[in-house]
C-alpha atoms as a PDB file:
ATOM      1  CA  MET A   1     107.995 161.981 150.198  1.00  0.00           C
ATOM      2  CA  THR A   2     106.370 161.820 146.588  1.00  0.00           C
ATOM      3  CA  HIS A   3     108.959 161.274 143.664  1.00  0.00           C
ATOM      4  CA  GLY A   4     108.817 163.318 140.272  1.00  0.00           C
ATOM      5  CA  SER A   5     107.250 166.171 140.668  1.00  0.00           C
ATOM      6  CA  GLN A   6     110.186 168.222 139.748  1.00  0.00           C
ATOM      7  CA  HIS A   7     111.735 165.465 136.990  1.00  0.00           C
ATOM      8  CA  ASN A   8     111.518 168.157 134.869  1.00  0.00           C
ATOM      9  CA  ASP A   9     110.063 171.376 133.513  1.00  0.00           C
ATOM     10  CA  LEU A  10     107.692 169.486 131.319  1.00  0.00           C
ATOM     11  CA  SER A  11     106.268 166.894 133.533  1.00  0.00           C
ATOM     12  CA  SER A  12     106.197 168.923 136.337  1.00  0.00           C
ATOM     13  CA  LYS A  13     104.035 171.521 134.825  1.00  0.00           C
ATOM     14  CA  ARG A  14     101.844 168.550 132.817  1.00  0.00           C
ATOM     15  CA  LEU A  15      99.033 167.604 134.602  1.00  0.00           C
ATOM     16  CA  LEU A  16      97.489 165.485 131.941  1.00  0.00           C
ATOM     17  CA  THR A  17      99.692 162.370 131.966  1.00  0.00           C
ATOM     18  CA  ARG A  18     100.103 160.563 129.045  1.00  0.00           C
ATOM     19  CA  ILE A  19      99.102 156.731 128.439  1.00  0.00           C
ATOM     20  CA  LYS A  20     101.065 154.056 126.236  1.00  0.00           C
ATOM     21  CA  ILE A  21      99.965 150.411 125.395  1.00  0.00           C
ATOM     22  CA  CYS A  22     102.629 148.350 124.747  1.00  0.00           C
ATOM     23  CA  GLY A  23     102.931 145.006 123.175  1.00  0.00           C
ATOM     24  CA  MET A  24     100.117 145.652 120.184  1.00  0.00           C
ATOM     25  CA  THR A  25      99.435 142.440 118.543  1.00  0.00           C
ATOM     26  CA  CYS A  26      96.507 142.728 116.783  1.00  0.00           C
ATOM     27  CA  GLN A  27      94.150 145.078 114.991  1.00  0.00           C
ATOM     28  CA  GLN A  28      91.137 144.849 117.339  1.00  0.00           C
ATOM     29  CA  ASP A  29      93.029 145.316 120.284  1.00  0.00           C
ATOM     30  CA  ALA A  30      94.635 148.622 118.725  1.00  0.00           C
ATOM     31  CA  GLU A  31      91.343 150.140 118.067  1.00  0.00           C
ATOM     32  CA  ASN A  32      89.918 148.911 121.204  1.00  0.00           C
ATOM     33  CA  ALA A  33      92.866 151.212 123.083  1.00  0.00           C
ATOM     34  CA  ILE A  34      92.460 154.616 121.072  1.00  0.00           C
ATOM     35  CA  THR A  35      88.955 154.005 122.072  1.00  0.00           C
ATOM     36  CA  ALA A  36      89.419 153.928 125.538  1.00  0.00           C
ATOM     37  CA  GLY A  37      91.955 157.049 124.970  1.00  0.00           C
ATOM     38  CA  VAL A  38      95.209 156.274 125.406  1.00  0.00           C
ATOM     39  CA  ASP A  39      97.923 158.633 123.565  1.00  0.00           C
ATOM     40  CA  ALA A  40     100.384 156.211 122.005  1.00  0.00           C
ATOM     41  CA  LEU A  41     100.627 152.242 121.170  1.00  0.00           C
ATOM     42  CA  GLY A  42     103.699 150.212 121.091  1.00  0.00           C
ATOM     43  CA  PHE A  43     104.892 147.608 118.571  1.00  0.00           C
ATOM     44  CA  ILE A  44     107.743 144.753 119.682  1.00  0.00           C
ATOM     45  CA  PHE A  45     110.211 144.175 116.964  1.00  0.00           C
ATOM     46  CA  TRP A  46     111.930 141.756 119.464  1.00  0.00           C
ATOM     47  CA  PRO A  47     111.332 138.140 118.265  1.00  0.00           C
ATOM     48  CA  PRO A  48     111.689 136.382 121.853  1.00  0.00           C
ATOM     49  CA  SER A  49     109.026 138.998 123.109  1.00  0.00           C
ATOM     50  CA  LYS A  50     105.702 136.649 123.468  1.00  0.00           C
ATOM     51  CA  ARG A  51     104.236 140.001 121.842  1.00  0.00           C
ATOM     52  CA  TYR A  52     106.243 140.093 119.194  1.00  0.00           C
ATOM     53  CA  ILE A  53     105.070 141.423 115.783  1.00  0.00           C
ATOM     54  CA  ALA A  54     106.251 141.113 112.487  1.00  0.00           C
ATOM     55  CA  ILE A  55     106.217 144.178 110.615  1.00  0.00           C
ATOM     56  CA  ASP A  56     103.785 143.580 107.860  1.00  0.00           C
ATOM     57  CA  GLU A  57     101.608 142.360 110.329  1.00  0.00           C
ATOM     58  CA  ALA A  58     102.414 145.926 112.449  1.00  0.00           C
ATOM     59  CA  ALA A  59     102.239 147.641 109.354  1.00  0.00           C
ATOM     60  CA  LYS A  60      98.268 146.712 108.451  1.00  0.00           C
ATOM     61  CA  ILE A  61      97.899 147.632 112.143  1.00  0.00           C
ATOM     62  CA  VAL A  62      99.381 150.981 112.001  1.00  0.00           C
ATOM     63  CA  ASP A  63      97.909 152.445 108.498  1.00  0.00           C
ATOM     64  CA  GLN A  64      94.349 152.237 110.575  1.00  0.00           C
ATOM     65  CA  VAL A  65      95.824 154.323 113.231  1.00  0.00           C
ATOM     66  CA  SER A  66      94.414 157.829 113.658  1.00  0.00           C
ATOM     67  CA  ALA A  67      96.942 160.557 113.052  1.00  0.00           C
ATOM     68  CA  TYR A  68      96.574 161.834 116.607  1.00  0.00           C
ATOM     69  CA  VAL A  69      97.959 158.305 118.467  1.00  0.00           C
ATOM     70  CA  THR A  70     101.761 158.014 118.476  1.00  0.00           C
ATOM     71  CA  THR A  71     102.854 155.126 117.232  1.00  0.00           C
ATOM     72  CA  VAL A  72     106.279 153.315 118.968  1.00  0.00           C
ATOM     73  CA  ALA A  73     108.765 150.908 117.629  1.00  0.00           C
ATOM     74  CA  VAL A  74     109.835 149.063 120.320  1.00  0.00           C
ATOM     75  CA  PHE A  75     113.558 147.260 120.068  1.00  0.00           C
ATOM     76  CA  VAL A  76     116.556 145.336 122.068  1.00  0.00           C
ATOM     77  CA  ASP A  77     119.526 145.652 120.982  1.00  0.00           C
ATOM     78  CA  PRO A  78     118.800 145.744 116.959  1.00  0.00           C
ATOM     79  CA  THR A  79     120.966 146.381 114.250  1.00  0.00           C
ATOM     80  CA  GLU A  80     120.675 149.421 112.381  1.00  0.00           C
ATOM     81  CA  ALA A  81     119.432 147.193 109.280  1.00  0.00           C
ATOM     82  CA  ASP A  82     116.704 146.217 111.753  1.00  0.00           C
ATOM     83  CA  VAL A  83     115.837 149.301 112.651  1.00  0.00           C
ATOM     84  CA  ASP A  84     115.617 150.777 108.722  1.00  0.00           C
ATOM     85  CA  ALA A  85     113.706 147.624 108.103  1.00  0.00           C
ATOM     86  CA  VAL A  86     111.016 148.430 110.185  1.00  0.00           C
ATOM     87  CA  LEU A  87     111.030 152.015 109.312  1.00  0.00           C
ATOM     88  CA  ALA A  88     110.982 151.447 105.901  1.00  0.00           C
ATOM     89  CA  ASP A  89     107.262 149.479 105.972  1.00  0.00           C
ATOM     90  CA  VAL A  90     105.504 150.633 108.829  1.00  0.00           C
ATOM     91  CA  ALA A  91     104.663 154.459 109.758  1.00  0.00           C
ATOM     92  CA  ILE A  92     106.277 154.691 112.867  1.00  0.00           C
ATOM     93  CA  ASP A  93     106.716 158.086 114.940  1.00  0.00           C
ATOM     94  CA  SER A  94     108.716 156.771 117.211  1.00  0.00           C
ATOM     95  CA  LEU A  95     111.370 154.543 118.884  1.00  0.00           C
ATOM     96  CA  GLN A  96     112.180 153.143 122.187  1.00  0.00           C
ATOM     97  CA  PHE A  97     115.290 151.498 122.960  1.00  0.00           C
ATOM     98  CA  HIS A  98     115.590 148.597 125.817  1.00  0.00           C
ATOM     99  CA  GLY A  99     118.667 147.046 125.652  1.00  0.00           C
ATOM    100  CA  GLN A 100     122.588 148.164 125.779  1.00  0.00           C
ATOM    101  CA  GLU A 101     122.258 150.650 122.633  1.00  0.00           C
ATOM    102  CA  PRO A 102     124.358 153.873 123.125  1.00  0.00           C
ATOM    103  CA  ALA A 103     123.603 157.380 122.348  1.00  0.00           C
ATOM    104  CA  SER A 104     125.370 157.029 119.092  1.00  0.00           C
ATOM    105  CA  PHE A 105     122.978 154.607 117.746  1.00  0.00           C
ATOM    106  CA  CYS A 106     119.681 155.774 118.876  1.00  0.00           C
ATOM    107  CA  ASN A 107     120.394 158.894 117.408  1.00  0.00           C
ATOM    108  CA  ARG A 108     120.574 157.414 114.009  1.00  0.00           C
ATOM    109  CA  PHE A 109     117.530 157.323 112.423  1.00  0.00           C
ATOM    110  CA  ALA A 110     115.612 160.579 112.419  1.00  0.00           C
ATOM    111  CA  ARG A 111     113.171 159.629 114.971  1.00  0.00           C
ATOM    112  CA  PRO A 112     112.381 160.624 118.443  1.00  0.00           C
ATOM    113  CA  PHE A 113     113.424 158.318 121.032  1.00  0.00           C
ATOM    114  CA  VAL A 114     112.717 156.741 123.875  1.00  0.00           C
ATOM    115  CA  LYS A 115     115.667 154.858 126.230  1.00  0.00           C
ATOM    116  CA  ALA A 116     114.598 152.385 128.846  1.00  0.00           C
ATOM    117  CA  LEU A 117     116.521 151.842 132.087  1.00  0.00           C
ATOM    118  CA  ALA A 118     115.977 148.744 134.245  1.00  0.00           C
ATOM    119  CA  MET A 119     115.799 150.004 137.685  1.00  0.00           C
ATOM    120  CA  HIS A 120     117.715 149.100 140.982  1.00  0.00           C
ATOM    121  CA  GLU A 121     118.303 150.917 144.264  1.00  0.00           C
ATOM    122  CA  ASP A 122     121.715 151.692 142.782  1.00  0.00           C
ATOM    123  CA  GLN A 123     120.894 152.996 140.005  1.00  0.00           C
ATOM    124  CA  ASP A 124     122.646 155.947 139.015  1.00  0.00           C
ATOM    125  CA  VAL A 125     119.211 157.581 136.795  1.00  0.00           C
ATOM    126  CA  PHE A 126     120.839 161.256 136.206  1.00  0.00           C
ATOM    127  CA  SER A 127     124.190 159.839 134.519  1.00  0.00           C
ATOM    128  CA  PHE A 128     121.998 157.672 132.534  1.00  0.00           C
ATOM    129  CA  CYS A 129     119.882 160.999 131.709  1.00  0.00           C
ATOM    130  CA  MET A 130     122.723 162.780 131.086  1.00  0.00           C
ATOM    131  CA  GLN A 131     123.957 160.255 128.635  1.00  0.00           C
ATOM    132  CA  TYR A 132     121.262 159.561 126.513  1.00  0.00           C
ATOM    133  CA  HIS A 133     120.536 163.544 126.626  1.00  0.00           C
ATOM    134  CA  GLN A 134     118.798 163.436 123.014  1.00  0.00           C
ATOM    135  CA  ALA A 135     116.316 161.157 124.185  1.00  0.00           C
ATOM    136  CA  SER A 136     112.704 162.227 123.904  1.00  0.00           C
ATOM    137  CA  ALA A 137     111.863 160.914 127.473  1.00  0.00           C
ATOM    138  CA  VAL A 138     113.801 158.249 130.062  1.00  0.00           C
ATOM    139  CA  LEU A 139     111.299 155.065 130.785  1.00  0.00           C
ATOM    140  CA  LEU A 140     111.996 153.498 133.686  1.00  0.00           C
ATOM    141  CA  ASP A 141     111.068 149.747 134.087  1.00  0.00           C
ATOM    142  CA  THR A 142     111.685 147.092 136.634  1.00  0.00           C
ATOM    143  CA  TYR A 143     114.914 145.060 136.632  1.00  0.00           C
ATOM    144  CA  ARG A 144     115.154 141.315 136.198  1.00  0.00           C
ATOM    145  CA  ALA A 145     118.293 139.747 134.789  1.00  0.00           C
ATOM    146  CA  GLY A 146     117.522 138.549 131.039  1.00  0.00           C
ATOM    147  CA  THR A 147     114.619 140.249 130.867  1.00  0.00           C
ATOM    148  CA  PRO A 148     114.337 143.838 128.822  1.00  0.00           C
ATOM    149  CA  GLY A 149     111.134 144.714 130.377  1.00  0.00           C
ATOM    150  CA  GLY A 150     107.732 143.695 130.545  1.00  0.00           C
ATOM    151  CA  THR A 151     107.978 141.503 133.561  1.00  0.00           C
ATOM    152  CA  GLY A 152     105.062 142.505 135.199  1.00  0.00           C
ATOM    153  CA  GLU A 153     106.434 143.529 138.262  1.00  0.00           C
ATOM    154  CA  GLN A 154     106.817 146.957 140.062  1.00  0.00           C
ATOM    155  CA  PHE A 155     110.127 148.640 141.358  1.00  0.00           C
ATOM    156  CA  THR A 156     110.293 150.782 144.053  1.00  0.00           C
ATOM    157  CA  TRP A 157     109.348 154.302 143.118  1.00  0.00           C
ATOM    158  CA  ARG A 158     111.291 156.077 146.006  1.00  0.00           C
ATOM    159  CA  TRP A 159     114.073 155.274 143.879  1.00  0.00           C
ATOM    160  CA  ILE A 160     113.675 157.857 141.403  1.00  0.00           C
ATOM    161  CA  PRO A 161     115.179 161.059 141.898  1.00  0.00           C
ATOM    162  CA  GLU A 162     113.759 163.977 141.807  1.00  0.00           C
ATOM    163  CA  HIS A 163     114.948 167.177 139.570  1.00  0.00           C
ATOM    164  CA  LEU A 164     115.748 164.845 136.245  1.00  0.00           C
ATOM    165  CA  PRO A 165     116.632 166.658 133.299  1.00  0.00           C
ATOM    166  CA  LEU A 166     114.554 164.640 131.370  1.00  0.00           C
ATOM    167  CA  PRO A 167     110.919 163.441 131.255  1.00  0.00           C
ATOM    168  CA  VAL A 168     110.011 160.194 133.188  1.00  0.00           C
ATOM    169  CA  ILE A 169     107.363 157.608 131.867  1.00  0.00           C
ATOM    170  CA  LEU A 170     107.154 155.101 133.912  1.00  0.00           C
ATOM    171  CA  ALA A 171     107.094 151.562 133.190  1.00  0.00           C
ATOM    172  CA  GLY A 172     107.169 148.311 135.398  1.00  0.00           C
ATOM    173  CA  GLY A 173     104.214 146.241 137.060  1.00  0.00           C
ATOM    174  CA  LEU A 174     101.401 148.990 136.244  1.00  0.00           C
ATOM    175  CA  ALA A 175      97.831 148.105 135.791  1.00  0.00           C
ATOM    176  CA  PRO A 176      94.532 149.461 136.459  1.00  0.00           C
ATOM    177  CA  GLU A 177      94.669 148.673 140.792  1.00  0.00           C
ATOM    178  CA  ASN A 178      97.688 150.949 140.936  1.00  0.00           C
ATOM    179  CA  ILE A 179      97.863 153.884 138.301  1.00  0.00           C
ATOM    180  CA  ALA A 180      96.351 156.225 140.506  1.00  0.00           C
ATOM    181  CA  GLU A 181      98.935 155.823 142.964  1.00  0.00           C
ATOM    182  CA  ALA A 182     101.794 155.688 140.946  1.00  0.00           C
ATOM    183  CA  VAL A 183     100.070 158.939 138.902  1.00  0.00           C
ATOM    184  CA  ARG A 184     100.239 160.577 142.089  1.00  0.00           C
ATOM    185  CA  SER A 185     103.395 159.300 143.482  1.00  0.00           C
ATOM    186  CA  VAL A 186     105.626 159.831 140.905  1.00  0.00           C
ATOM    187  CA  ARG A 187     103.618 162.088 138.630  1.00  0.00           C
ATOM    188  CA  PRO A 188     105.265 160.862 135.410  1.00  0.00           C
ATOM    189  CA  TYR A 189     105.096 162.638 132.041  1.00  0.00           C
ATOM    190  CA  ALA A 190     103.525 159.043 131.028  1.00  0.00           C
ATOM    191  CA  VAL A 191     102.877 155.571 131.760  1.00  0.00           C
ATOM    192  CA  ASP A 192     103.680 152.566 129.658  1.00  0.00           C
ATOM    193  CA  ILE A 193     101.367 149.319 130.191  1.00  0.00           C
ATOM    194  CA  SER A 194     101.619 145.974 129.026  1.00  0.00           C
ATOM    195  CA  SER A 195     100.769 142.787 130.698  1.00  0.00           C
ATOM    196  CA  GLY A 196      98.483 145.250 133.183  1.00  0.00           C
ATOM    197  CA  VAL A 197      95.815 145.013 130.767  1.00  0.00           C
ATOM    198  CA  GLU A 198      95.829 141.550 129.255  1.00  0.00           C
ATOM    199  CA  SER A 199      94.088 138.623 129.328  1.00  0.00           C
ATOM    200  CA  SER A 200      96.982 136.399 127.789  1.00  0.00           C
ATOM    201  CA  PRO A 201     100.022 137.434 126.775  1.00  0.00           C
ATOM    202  CA  GLY A 202      99.422 140.082 123.648  1.00  0.00           C
ATOM    203  CA  CYS A 203      95.827 139.706 123.948  1.00  0.00           C
ATOM    204  CA  LYS A 204      94.403 143.270 125.548  1.00  0.00           C
ATOM    205  CA  ASP A 205      91.882 143.185 127.850  1.00  0.00           C
ATOM    206  CA  THR A 206      89.140 145.503 126.680  1.00  0.00           C
ATOM    207  CA  GLU A 207      87.481 146.578 130.531  1.00  0.00           C
ATOM    208  CA  LYS A 208      91.206 146.714 132.145  1.00  0.00           C
ATOM    209  CA  LEU A 209      92.011 149.311 129.031  1.00  0.00           C
ATOM    210  CA  GLN A 210      88.833 151.086 129.771  1.00  0.00           C
ATOM    211  CA  ALA A 211      89.789 151.165 133.962  1.00  0.00           C
ATOM    212  CA  LEU A 212      93.268 152.327 133.324  1.00  0.00           C
ATOM    213  CA  VAL A 213      92.457 155.351 131.100  1.00  0.00           C
ATOM    214  CA  ARG A 214      89.674 156.052 133.801  1.00  0.00           C
ATOM    215  CA  ALA A 215      91.742 155.821 136.661  1.00  0.00           C
ATOM    216  CA  VAL A 216      94.877 157.671 135.363  1.00  0.00           C
ATOM    217  CA  HIS A 217      92.258 160.077 134.546  1.00  0.00           C
ATOM    218  CA  CYS A 218      90.808 160.272 138.321  1.00  0.00           C
ATOM    219  CA  ALA A 219      94.291 160.649 139.225  1.00  0.00           C
ATOM    220  CA  ASP A 220      95.262 163.444 137.104  1.00  0.00           C
ATOM    221  CA  MET A 221      91.949 165.720 138.225  1.00  0.00           C
ATOM    222  CA  GLY A 222      93.126 164.961 141.592  1.00  0.00           C
ATOM    223  CA  ARG A 223      96.044 166.702 141.284  1.00  0.00           C
ATOM    224  CA  GLN A 224      94.384 169.292 139.017  1.00  0.00           C
ATOM    225  CA  GLY A 225      92.194 170.011 142.168  1.00  0.00           C
ATOM    226  CA  THR A 226      95.247 170.420 144.152  1.00  0.00           C
ATOM    227  CA  GLY A 227      96.460 173.388 142.184  1.00  0.00           C
ATOM    228  CA  GLU A 228     100.255 171.451 141.876  1.00  0.00           C
ATOM    229  CA  ASN A 229     101.065 173.817 138.950  1.00  0.00           C
ATOM    230  CA  SER A 230     100.262 176.493 140.752  1.00  0.00           C
END
């Protein structure tokens, strides 16, 4: 059984899977990702992360990003002042929250936002989506106690229910080797990758970036060939 084909009208009709590369830490990696053909770049403003980036460094990179590539600020349980400080100095398009932020907090900043959910077998994804119904999408990531994402581990995709009210962004242990299977099985609106295209934490590997984008595009072409949206 495949999952995600009916998550919502947007993801079921759109056959081009968006690609976000998270944990950008330097200008060259951002340029390489954009050249490879990604749709979005993520910048992590959570200091404990190995991929944390300071506001001034992020601002320099984002200033050089094409207008057609989405920039995403990633937070874990920030204060309102934390988010405001980033938005004041970095040209961020969208926000991504990975902690216990309530919906009322996520809605404060006049930016589209994505809310992450750590997946386990008994997770009520539908209720979570309803709670954060104003989100642009729900990001489903691997659960590990004390680690808000970035585990590099894959969760069981069959835990994702069908007919979800929000677009699904799939994360957790994705890499060039399994991304095509993920796209075909889950049929997400987007995929979010960090460690799967790295040579070391925070350092993206150009060949892995290119291989991942090619694999996603090939999987999308295969879906197109089956007439999946007919």
